[in-house]
Amino acid sequence: MVSGQTATPGANPEESGIRWLLDPGRSPVQVAHQIQCTSGNSNLWEGIVTNTTDPFLVFPPVRIDADSEKILYLNMAVETGRRVQLFFSADDSFQEELSCHARGLAAGSELSLYALDLSEFPKWRGKITSLRLDLDGSRNGTRVKFARIGSGKSGITAGAVPLEVETAATPCTANRRRNAAFQDTIVATDECYGSSAVMTFVKTHFSYVELNVLARLLVRAEAEGRQFEAATAARGLKVEDLPGGVRAQYQLAGAQITSEILPLRIGRDTPGQDGAALFTIRTEPPVPVIVDCGDSMVENPFGGLFAHSEPTLLNSTDQITLESGTAFLASKAHPLKVAIRGDAALTVKTNLNGGQYLSFRAPSGQLSVLVSYAEDDARLRAIAATDFAQGASRSRTTTPSCCRRGCRRRSRTLTPPSAPRSTTSNTPGTPPMAGPKASTFGMRSGICSTPPGRNGSVMPTARA
């Protein structure tokens, strides 16, 4: 039975204007794929994600006039994963071209009423009878609740949480990221959420696609006493390739956020698996910025583990030791040793699973974080203590890719920007970031200002 009821007696008065689509006497979920049902009744369906490849829910038949009903309401909860993909059709078939992505789900077990405004989505038209909801970015063990689905003609009802629907102007597909690499070090930034990661190859066993994720880097910003997560609240996200790195730009907490992640020129001349990456972020106007780091794992790019949709490191199993402002991470996920340090206040936090992760807070709105890794402790400490500002002192005449597109700095000698020198000793084992001028990493003023690397690309350099 397809219901055409409006808000039922006893419903929240703020829900007026919603036409609930399903008969209240039946389960709101007809088919669950890779989600095991734990409790299903006429009022609430509950389940647990058992496989992250493609978990989705198919709902009982509905009747929607998409030409007049432009708002779709979902009454649901999901513990992890901030993004959904909605499939719709006039029959029982589902196709990628008749779907849309939306983000902005809140993590938790409490039901929330979400609204998708599909008025700007051109393919939402005609008669809709079938709906399917994919839960992107969910992890194994994620608990899911679904209660109701409804529609409305115009204007999102008060009390509903609007999801950001991705249209042709804001393209975004699952597991889409931009990468850069040097030797064993791979960095990536997700085009849907703006989160970044430092990775390296799996060498303990044969694999075509698996990578060791050494650390994810998730951004938050503060305004008026509140924290805003880039993974759920960023607007106008643009991720682009740099010569030798990846840049993300977006609006968050009333500020323009710019982050860059670059693999450093370390590891080519050493027998072991080692390297480093530099993550920098700045805000304009300056607002306090927070970067959470950690969450080691082995990822399969085709399995959805790298969706970067979680604004907190819920599944981190890392154990952290602090030494003189440098954090050393140990993880059962891979055999490598990892060190992380930054030029802002550092705290160690514990998640609900008992794992640990790092949190850097920079009230100035500018922050640099260095992620290093190696097979042995001595090599790791040598890399982690490197002064990268001094290591980037070389220059060379070249025409980087930006200048080939008409940059006025064509064919000029590229000299890295001057950086404040550390006031501390550069003796072995001494982190060069202590002291009042601690930001020796430096923030690049433009993509033409970094010395060129191999094959004409621009790559930050370091001595280790």
Protein backbone atom coordinates (compact mmCIF):
# COMPACT_ATOMS: atom_id res chain seq x y z
CA MET A 1 0.00 0.00 0.00
CA VAL A 2 1.26 3.45 -0.89
CA SER A 3 0.30 6.08 1.61
CA GLY A 4 -0.66 9.63 0.79
CA GLN A 5 -1.04 10.80 4.36
CA THR A 6 0.15 14.13 5.67
CA ALA A 7 1.59 14.47 9.16
CA THR A 8 -0.25 12.05 11.42
CA PRO A 9 -2.04 13.04 14.63
CA GLY A 10 0.43 13.48 17.43
CA ALA A 11 3.29 14.29 15.03
CA ASN A 12 5.60 17.20 15.66
CA PRO A 13 3.70 20.34 14.56
CA GLU A 14 6.91 21.56 12.87
CA GLU A 15 6.48 18.66 10.43
CA SER A 16 3.37 20.14 8.84
CA GLY A 17 3.65 20.24 5.07
CA ILE A 18 5.31 16.83 4.89
CA ARG A 19 3.48 14.03 3.11
CA TRP A 20 4.66 10.76 4.58
CA LEU A 21 4.99 8.26 1.78
CA LEU A 22 4.81 4.86 3.47
CA ASP A 23 2.03 3.03 5.19
CA PRO A 24 2.73 3.30 8.94
CA GLY A 25 1.71 -0.33 9.29
CA ARG A 26 4.71 -1.75 7.45
CA SER A 27 8.52 -1.68 7.71
CA PRO A 28 10.10 1.40 6.11
CA VAL A 29 12.82 -0.78 4.50
CA GLN A 30 12.05 -3.41 1.87
CA VAL A 31 15.59 -4.58 0.98
CA ALA A 32 18.90 -4.08 2.80
CA HIS A 33 22.14 -4.82 0.94
CA GLN A 34 25.29 -5.40 3.03
CA ILE A 35 23.38 -4.17 6.08
CA GLN A 36 22.16 -6.83 8.51
CA CYS A 37 18.74 -6.13 9.99
CA THR A 38 18.82 -6.22 13.79
CA SER A 39 15.32 -4.93 14.48
CA GLY A 40 12.52 -4.23 12.05
CA ASN A 41 8.97 -3.18 12.84
CA SER A 42 6.31 -0.81 11.59
CA ASN A 43 7.89 2.21 13.28
CA LEU A 44 11.65 1.75 13.02
CA TRP A 45 14.12 -0.34 11.04
CA GLU A 46 17.61 -0.93 12.49
CA GLY A 47 20.66 -2.63 11.04
CA ILE A 48 24.47 -2.94 11.09
CA VAL A 49 26.75 -2.48 8.08
CA THR A 50 28.52 -5.78 7.35
CA ASN A 51 30.38 -4.82 4.17
CA THR A 52 31.58 -1.38 3.05
CA THR A 53 31.62 -2.11 -0.69
CA ASP A 54 28.08 -0.91 -1.41
CA PRO A 55 25.69 -0.78 1.56
CA PHE A 56 22.23 0.47 0.60
CA LEU A 57 18.53 0.41 1.49
CA VAL A 58 15.61 -0.04 -0.90
CA PHE A 59 12.27 1.33 0.26
CA PRO A 60 8.76 0.01 -0.41
CA PRO A 61 6.97 1.48 -3.45
CA VAL A 62 6.09 5.16 -3.23
CA ARG A 63 4.15 7.62 -5.36
CA ILE A 64 5.82 11.01 -5.89
CA ASP A 65 4.97 13.72 -8.40
CA ALA A 66 8.51 15.03 -8.84
CA ASP A 67 7.30 17.95 -10.98
CA SER A 68 5.55 19.47 -7.96
CA GLU A 69 7.14 17.75 -4.96
CA LYS A 70 10.73 18.96 -4.84
CA ILE A 71 11.64 18.22 -1.23
CA LEU A 72 12.40 14.71 0.02
CA TYR A 73 12.55 14.02 3.76
CA LEU A 74 14.48 11.19 5.43
CA ASN A 75 13.99 10.38 9.11
CA MET A 76 17.10 8.38 9.96
CA ALA A 77 20.36 8.01 11.89
CA VAL A 78 23.78 6.65 10.95
CA GLU A 79 26.82 6.36 13.22
CA THR A 80 29.51 6.94 10.57
CA GLY A 81 29.48 8.25 7.03
CA ARG A 82 28.23 11.72 6.18
CA ARG A 83 27.13 11.21 2.61
CA VAL A 84 24.31 9.41 0.81
CA GLN A 85 23.46 8.65 -2.79
CA LEU A 86 19.77 8.68 -3.66
CA PHE A 87 18.58 6.57 -6.62
CA PHE A 88 15.08 7.09 -8.01
CA SER A 89 13.07 5.70 -10.90
CA ALA A 90 9.59 5.12 -12.30
CA ASP A 91 10.08 1.34 -12.09
CA ASP A 92 12.18 -1.05 -10.02
CA SER A 93 15.46 -0.36 -11.85
CA PHE A 94 18.19 1.96 -10.57
CA GLN A 95 20.78 3.69 -12.76
CA GLU A 96 23.69 5.97 -11.93
CA GLU A 97 22.38 8.75 -14.15
CA LEU A 98 19.13 8.83 -12.16
CA SER A 99 20.77 9.49 -8.82
CA CYS A 100 22.19 12.35 -6.80
CA HIS A 101 24.72 12.67 -4.02
CA ALA A 102 24.09 14.62 -0.84
CA ARG A 103 26.16 15.26 2.25
CA GLY A 104 25.69 16.66 5.73
CA LEU A 105 24.47 13.72 7.82
CA ALA A 106 25.29 14.02 11.51
CA ALA A 107 27.02 11.11 13.23
CA GLY A 108 25.08 9.52 16.04
CA SER A 109 22.39 7.10 17.04
CA GLU A 110 19.56 9.64 17.51
CA LEU A 111 17.04 9.98 14.70
CA SER A 112 17.17 13.23 12.73
CA LEU A 113 14.88 14.60 10.04
CA TYR A 114 16.90 15.42 6.92
CA ALA A 115 15.68 17.32 3.86
CA LEU A 116 16.93 17.09 0.27
CA ASP A 117 15.95 20.05 -1.88
CA LEU A 118 15.88 18.59 -5.39
CA SER A 119 14.46 21.66 -7.11
CA GLU A 120 17.82 22.34 -8.81
CA PHE A 121 18.37 18.70 -9.80
CA PRO A 122 17.14 18.51 -13.42
CA LYS A 123 16.51 14.76 -13.52
CA TRP A 124 14.10 14.86 -10.59
CA ARG A 125 10.91 15.03 -12.64
CA GLY A 126 7.88 12.98 -13.64
CA LYS A 127 6.45 10.13 -11.57
CA ILE A 128 8.74 8.46 -9.02
CA THR A 129 7.80 5.07 -7.62
CA SER A 130 11.10 3.52 -6.47
CA LEU A 131 13.75 4.86 -4.12
CA ARG A 132 17.11 3.50 -2.99
CA LEU A 133 19.55 5.08 -0.52
CA ASP A 134 23.28 4.23 -0.57
CA LEU A 135 25.25 4.96 2.61
CA ASP A 136 28.60 6.23 1.36
CA GLY A 137 31.61 6.19 3.65
CA SER A 138 30.14 3.84 6.26
CA ARG A 139 32.44 1.47 8.11
CA ASN A 140 31.92 -2.14 9.13
CA GLY A 141 29.83 -2.21 12.28
CA THR A 142 28.11 1.12 11.59
CA ARG A 143 24.62 1.15 13.09
CA VAL A 144 21.82 2.46 10.90
CA LYS A 145 18.27 3.48 11.81
CA PHE A 146 15.49 4.41 9.42
CA ALA A 147 11.99 5.49 10.42
CA ARG A 148 10.15 7.45 7.71
CA ILE A 149 10.39 9.00 4.28
CA GLY A 150 8.29 11.92 3.08
CA SER A 151 7.93 14.60 0.43
CA GLY A 152 7.00 18.27 0.27
CA LYS A 153 6.20 20.77 -2.44
CA SER A 154 8.41 23.74 -1.61
CA GLY A 155 10.35 25.17 1.26
CA ILE A 156 12.04 22.95 3.83
CA THR A 157 9.93 22.56 6.93
CA ALA A 158 11.21 24.03 10.17
CA GLY A 159 13.25 21.63 12.26
CA ALA A 160 14.57 19.60 9.32
CA VAL A 161 18.31 19.48 8.63
CA PRO A 162 19.03 20.39 4.99
CA LEU A 163 21.51 18.16 3.16
CA GLU A 164 23.72 19.66 0.48
CA VAL A 165 22.64 18.13 -2.81
CA GLU A 166 25.43 17.95 -5.37
CA THR A 167 24.35 19.17 -8.79
CA ALA A 168 26.22 19.68 -12.05
CA ALA A 169 27.68 22.83 -10.51
CA THR A 170 29.04 20.87 -7.56
CA PRO A 171 30.16 17.54 -9.06
CA CYS A 172 31.31 14.87 -6.67
CA THR A 173 31.45 11.12 -6.97
CA ALA A 174 32.32 8.45 -4.43
CA ASN A 175 36.00 7.75 -3.72
CA ARG A 176 37.15 10.63 -5.90
CA ARG A 177 40.45 12.13 -4.86
CA ARG A 178 43.49 13.91 -6.22
CA ASN A 179 46.91 12.41 -5.54
CA ALA A 180 50.58 13.32 -5.63
CA ALA A 181 53.57 11.07 -4.91
CA PHE A 182 57.31 10.89 -4.48
CA GLN A 183 58.98 7.48 -4.28
CA ASP A 184 57.03 5.53 -1.62
CA THR A 185 55.06 8.52 -0.30
CA ILE A 186 51.54 9.17 -1.60
CA VAL A 187 49.34 12.07 -0.54
CA ALA A 188 45.71 12.60 -1.42
CA THR A 189 42.87 15.04 -0.83
CA ASP A 190 39.25 14.00 -1.22
CA GLU A 191 37.22 16.08 -3.67
CA CYS A 192 33.97 15.52 -1.79
CA TYR A 193 35.06 16.38 1.76
CA GLY A 194 38.40 18.18 1.55
CA SER A 195 40.07 15.75 3.97
CA SER A 196 43.63 14.60 3.29
CA ALA A 197 45.77 11.53 3.92
CA VAL A 198 49.37 10.35 3.81
CA MET A 199 49.82 6.84 2.43
CA THR A 200 52.44 4.39 1.22
CA PHE A 201 52.51 1.06 -0.56
CA VAL A 202 51.71 -2.25 1.12
CA LYS A 203 54.88 -4.37 1.00
CA THR A 204 54.05 -7.09 3.51
CA HIS A 205 52.02 -9.01 0.93
CA PHE A 206 51.13 -8.87 -2.73
CA SER A 207 48.34 -6.47 -3.63
CA TYR A 208 47.36 -4.57 -6.74
CA VAL A 209 45.36 -1.88 -4.98
CA GLU A 210 45.88 -1.80 -1.20
CA LEU A 211 47.71 1.06 0.46
CA ASN A 212 48.84 1.72 4.01
CA VAL A 213 47.09 4.83 5.27
CA LEU A 214 49.59 6.30 7.74
CA ALA A 215 47.44 9.23 8.85
CA ARG A 216 44.29 11.03 7.85
CA LEU A 217 44.11 14.79 8.40
CA LEU A 218 40.69 16.25 9.13
CA VAL A 219 40.00 19.97 9.45
CA ARG A 220 37.73 21.92 11.76
CA ALA A 221 37.38 25.67 12.23
CA GLU A 222 35.95 27.76 15.07
CA ALA A 223 33.59 30.72 15.00
CA GLU A 224 31.42 32.25 17.72
CA GLY A 225 32.21 29.46 20.15
CA ARG A 226 31.24 26.68 17.74
CA GLN A 227 33.32 24.21 15.75
CA PHE A 228 32.54 23.47 12.10
CA GLU A 229 33.77 20.31 10.38
CA ALA A 230 35.07 20.64 6.84
CA ALA A 231 33.73 17.17 5.98
CA THR A 232 30.14 18.26 6.60
CA ALA A 233 30.01 22.08 6.60
CA ALA A 234 32.47 23.17 3.88
CA ARG A 235 30.96 25.13 1.00
CA GLY A 236 32.37 25.86 -2.44
CA LEU A 237 34.96 23.10 -2.15
CA LYS A 238 37.55 23.11 -4.93
CA VAL A 239 40.40 20.58 -5.00
CA GLU A 240 43.12 21.00 -7.60
CA ASP A 241 46.50 19.60 -8.54
CA LEU A 242 49.65 21.55 -7.81
CA PRO A 243 53.06 20.79 -9.27
CA GLY A 244 54.05 18.16 -6.73
CA GLY A 245 51.03 18.36 -4.45
CA VAL A 246 47.30 18.95 -3.95
CA ARG A 247 45.46 22.07 -2.82
CA ALA A 248 41.94 22.40 -1.38
CA GLN A 249 40.00 25.66 -1.04
CA TYR A 250 36.59 26.15 0.57
CA GLN A 251 34.53 28.36 2.88
CA LEU A 252 34.12 27.29 6.49
CA ALA A 253 33.20 29.16 9.69
CA GLY A 254 33.03 32.46 7.82
CA ALA A 255 36.56 32.16 6.44
CA GLN A 256 38.28 31.09 3.24
CA ILE A 257 40.28 27.93 4.01
CA THR A 258 43.27 26.89 1.91
CA SER A 259 45.11 23.64 2.59
CA GLU A 260 47.99 22.03 0.74
CA ILE A 261 49.57 18.61 1.10
CA LEU A 262 52.87 17.69 -0.53
CA PRO A 263 55.12 14.62 -0.47
CA LEU A 264 58.70 15.57 0.40
CA ARG A 265 61.76 14.47 -1.54
CA ILE A 266 62.83 11.80 0.92
CA GLY A 267 63.27 8.07 0.49
CA ARG A 268 64.70 7.66 -3.00
CA ASP A 269 68.27 6.99 -1.88
CA THR A 270 67.57 4.79 1.15
CA PRO A 271 67.17 1.00 1.15
CA GLY A 272 64.13 0.94 3.42
CA GLN A 273 60.59 2.23 3.05
CA ASP A 274 60.52 5.78 4.39
CA GLY A 275 59.39 9.26 3.55
CA ALA A 276 57.45 12.31 4.72
CA ALA A 277 54.68 14.68 3.74
CA LEU A 278 53.88 18.26 4.69
CA PHE A 279 50.32 19.50 5.29
CA THR A 280 49.73 23.25 5.59
CA ILE A 281 46.56 25.23 6.16
CA ARG A 282 45.69 28.92 6.39
CA THR A 283 42.50 30.90 6.90
CA GLU A 284 41.43 34.34 5.66
CA PRO A 285 40.32 36.15 7.71
CA PRO A 286 42.17 34.31 10.49
CA VAL A 287 39.98 31.98 12.56
CA PRO A 288 41.11 29.24 14.94
CA VAL A 289 41.73 26.04 13.01
CA ILE A 290 42.01 22.45 14.25
CA VAL A 291 43.57 19.48 12.46
CA ASP A 292 42.98 15.95 13.76
CA CYS A 293 45.55 13.34 12.69
CA GLY A 294 45.74 9.56 12.88
CA ASP A 295 43.52 6.61 12.02
CA SER A 296 45.99 4.14 10.49
CA MET A 297 44.46 1.50 8.22
CA VAL A 298 44.97 -0.56 5.10
CA GLU A 299 42.69 0.83 2.42
CA ASN A 300 41.28 -0.49 -0.80
CA PRO A 301 40.34 2.42 -3.09
CA PHE A 302 37.52 0.35 -4.55
CA GLY A 303 36.04 -0.60 -1.19
CA GLY A 304 34.93 2.81 0.03
CA LEU A 305 37.34 2.98 2.96
CA PHE A 306 38.87 6.21 1.67
CA ALA A 307 35.65 8.19 1.41
CA HIS A 308 36.94 10.55 4.14
CA SER A 309 33.41 11.26 5.19
CA GLU A 310 33.96 11.05 8.93
CA PRO A 311 34.77 14.36 10.63
CA THR A 312 36.16 12.48 13.64
CA LEU A 313 38.63 9.61 13.76
CA LEU A 314 36.09 7.20 15.21
CA ASN A 315 37.90 4.05 14.15
CA SER A 316 41.45 4.97 15.06
CA THR A 317 43.37 2.16 16.76
CA ASP A 318 46.66 4.07 17.02
CA GLN A 319 48.60 4.22 20.26
CA ILE A 320 50.62 7.42 20.71
CA THR A 321 53.78 8.35 22.61
CA LEU A 322 54.82 12.00 22.95
CA GLU A 323 58.46 13.09 23.04
CA SER A 324 59.40 16.78 23.01
CA GLY A 325 56.41 17.80 20.95
CA THR A 326 56.68 14.95 18.45
CA ALA A 327 54.07 12.19 18.46
CA PHE A 328 55.11 8.64 17.61
CA LEU A 329 52.29 6.40 16.42
CA ALA A 330 52.16 2.63 16.63
CA SER A 331 49.42 0.73 14.84
CA LYS A 332 48.45 -2.88 14.25
CA ALA A 333 47.26 -1.90 10.78
CA HIS A 334 50.79 -1.79 9.29
CA PRO A 335 54.42 -2.43 10.39
CA LEU A 336 55.74 1.08 9.74
CA LYS A 337 56.67 3.61 12.41
CA VAL A 338 55.04 7.04 12.11
CA ALA A 339 55.95 10.41 13.64
CA ILE A 340 53.81 13.56 13.50
CA ARG A 341 54.69 17.07 14.63
CA GLY A 342 53.28 20.51 14.00
CA ASP A 343 53.77 24.16 14.85
CA ALA A 344 50.72 24.50 17.09
CA ALA A 345 49.44 23.20 20.42
CA LEU A 346 49.14 19.41 20.41
CA THR A 347 46.86 17.16 22.45
CA VAL A 348 46.24 13.41 22.40
CA LYS A 349 42.62 12.32 22.36
CA THR A 350 40.92 8.97 22.81
CA ASN A 351 37.96 7.90 20.71
CA LEU A 352 35.05 5.65 21.64
CA ASN A 353 36.97 2.55 20.50
CA GLY A 354 39.89 3.23 22.84
CA GLY A 355 42.20 4.26 20.01
CA GLN A 356 44.16 7.50 20.11
CA TYR A 357 44.59 10.37 17.68
CA LEU A 358 46.26 13.79 17.64
CA SER A 359 44.62 17.18 17.60
CA PHE A 360 46.48 20.38 16.68
CA ARG A 361 44.85 23.75 17.41
CA ALA A 362 46.16 26.98 15.87
CA PRO A 363 44.36 30.13 17.13
CA SER A 364 46.19 32.15 14.45
CA GLY A 365 44.49 30.25 11.62
CA GLN A 366 47.79 28.98 10.18
CA LEU A 367 49.20 25.52 10.80
CA SER A 368 51.83 23.15 9.40
CA VAL A 369 51.90 19.42 10.15
CA LEU A 370 54.69 17.04 9.18
CA VAL A 371 53.97 13.30 8.84
CA SER A 372 57.09 11.07 8.69
CA TYR A 373 57.43 7.31 8.47
CA ALA A 374 60.18 4.68 8.35
CA GLU A 375 60.85 1.04 9.05
CA ASP A 376 63.27 1.64 11.94
CA ASP A 377 63.26 4.07 14.82
CA ALA A 378 66.59 5.76 14.10
CA ARG A 379 65.66 6.61 10.53
CA LEU A 380 62.25 7.87 11.63
CA ARG A 381 63.75 10.24 14.17
CA ALA A 382 66.20 11.59 11.62
CA ILE A 383 63.39 12.41 9.19
CA ALA A 384 61.09 13.83 11.87
CA ALA A 385 63.79 16.25 13.08
CA THR A 386 64.64 17.64 9.63
CA ASP A 387 64.46 21.40 9.11
CA PHE A 388 62.50 21.51 5.87
CA ALA A 389 62.81 25.27 5.39
CA GLN A 390 66.59 24.93 5.13
CA GLY A 391 66.26 21.83 2.97
CA ALA A 392 64.26 23.78 0.39
CA SER A 393 67.10 26.22 -0.31
CA ARG A 394 67.87 25.06 -3.86
CA SER A 395 66.56 26.88 -6.93
CA ARG A 396 66.55 26.22 -10.64
CA THR A 397 65.31 27.88 -13.79
CA THR A 398 62.33 26.06 -15.23
CA THR A 399 58.89 26.62 -16.67
CA PRO A 400 56.44 24.90 -14.33
CA SER A 401 53.01 23.89 -15.49
CA CYS A 402 51.37 26.99 -14.04
CA CYS A 403 53.61 29.23 -16.14
CA ARG A 404 52.85 27.27 -19.30
CA ARG A 405 49.28 28.49 -18.86
CA GLY A 406 50.34 32.15 -19.06
CA CYS A 407 51.79 32.96 -15.64
CA ARG A 408 53.66 36.29 -15.79
CA ARG A 409 56.61 34.66 -14.03
CA ARG A 410 57.50 32.69 -17.19
CA SER A 411 61.11 31.49 -17.43
CA ARG A 412 62.27 33.14 -14.25
CA THR A 413 64.55 31.64 -11.67
CA LEU A 414 62.41 30.02 -8.99
CA THR A 415 63.56 30.83 -5.49
CA PRO A 416 61.67 29.53 -2.46
CA PRO A 417 60.19 32.17 -0.17
CA SER A 418 62.27 33.11 2.81
CA ALA A 419 61.19 31.44 6.01
CA PRO A 420 61.96 32.43 9.61
CA ARG A 421 64.93 30.48 10.86
CA SER A 422 64.54 28.39 13.95
CA THR A 423 66.08 29.88 17.07
CA THR A 424 66.96 26.43 18.34
CA SER A 425 69.98 24.26 17.73
CA ASN A 426 70.05 22.04 14.65
CA THR A 427 71.95 19.28 16.40
CA PRO A 428 70.80 15.73 15.56
CA GLY A 429 67.67 14.68 17.37
CA THR A 430 66.59 18.21 18.21
CA PRO A 431 63.24 19.13 16.67
CA PRO A 432 63.78 22.52 14.99
CA MET A 433 60.29 23.76 15.76
CA ALA A 434 60.77 24.75 19.39
CA GLY A 435 61.12 28.40 20.25
CA PRO A 436 59.27 31.59 19.35
CA LYS A 437 59.91 31.26 15.59
CA ALA A 438 58.77 27.68 15.42
CA SER A 439 57.10 27.69 12.02
CA THR A 440 60.13 26.61 10.00
CA PHE A 441 58.01 24.59 7.59
CA GLY A 442 56.86 27.75 5.85
CA MET A 443 53.69 28.43 3.85
CA ARG A 444 54.13 28.72 0.11
CA SER A 445 52.86 31.96 -1.36
CA GLY A 446 52.14 30.38 -4.74
CA ILE A 447 52.71 27.28 -6.81
CA CYS A 448 55.59 28.93 -8.70
CA SER A 449 57.58 29.53 -5.52
CA THR A 450 58.82 26.01 -4.78
CA PRO A 451 62.02 24.55 -6.27
CA PRO A 452 61.48 22.18 -9.17
CA GLY A 453 61.69 18.43 -8.79
CA ARG A 454 62.06 15.49 -11.10
CA ASN A 455 60.67 15.69 -14.65
CA GLY A 456 59.94 19.40 -14.33
CA SER A 457 57.42 19.00 -11.51
CA VAL A 458 57.74 21.21 -8.48
CA MET A 459 58.45 19.24 -5.33
CA PRO A 460 59.40 20.44 -1.85
CA THR A 461 62.89 19.35 -0.90
CA ALA A 462 64.48 18.24 2.34
CA ARG A 463 67.70 16.88 3.66
CA ALA A 464 67.43 13.85 5.92
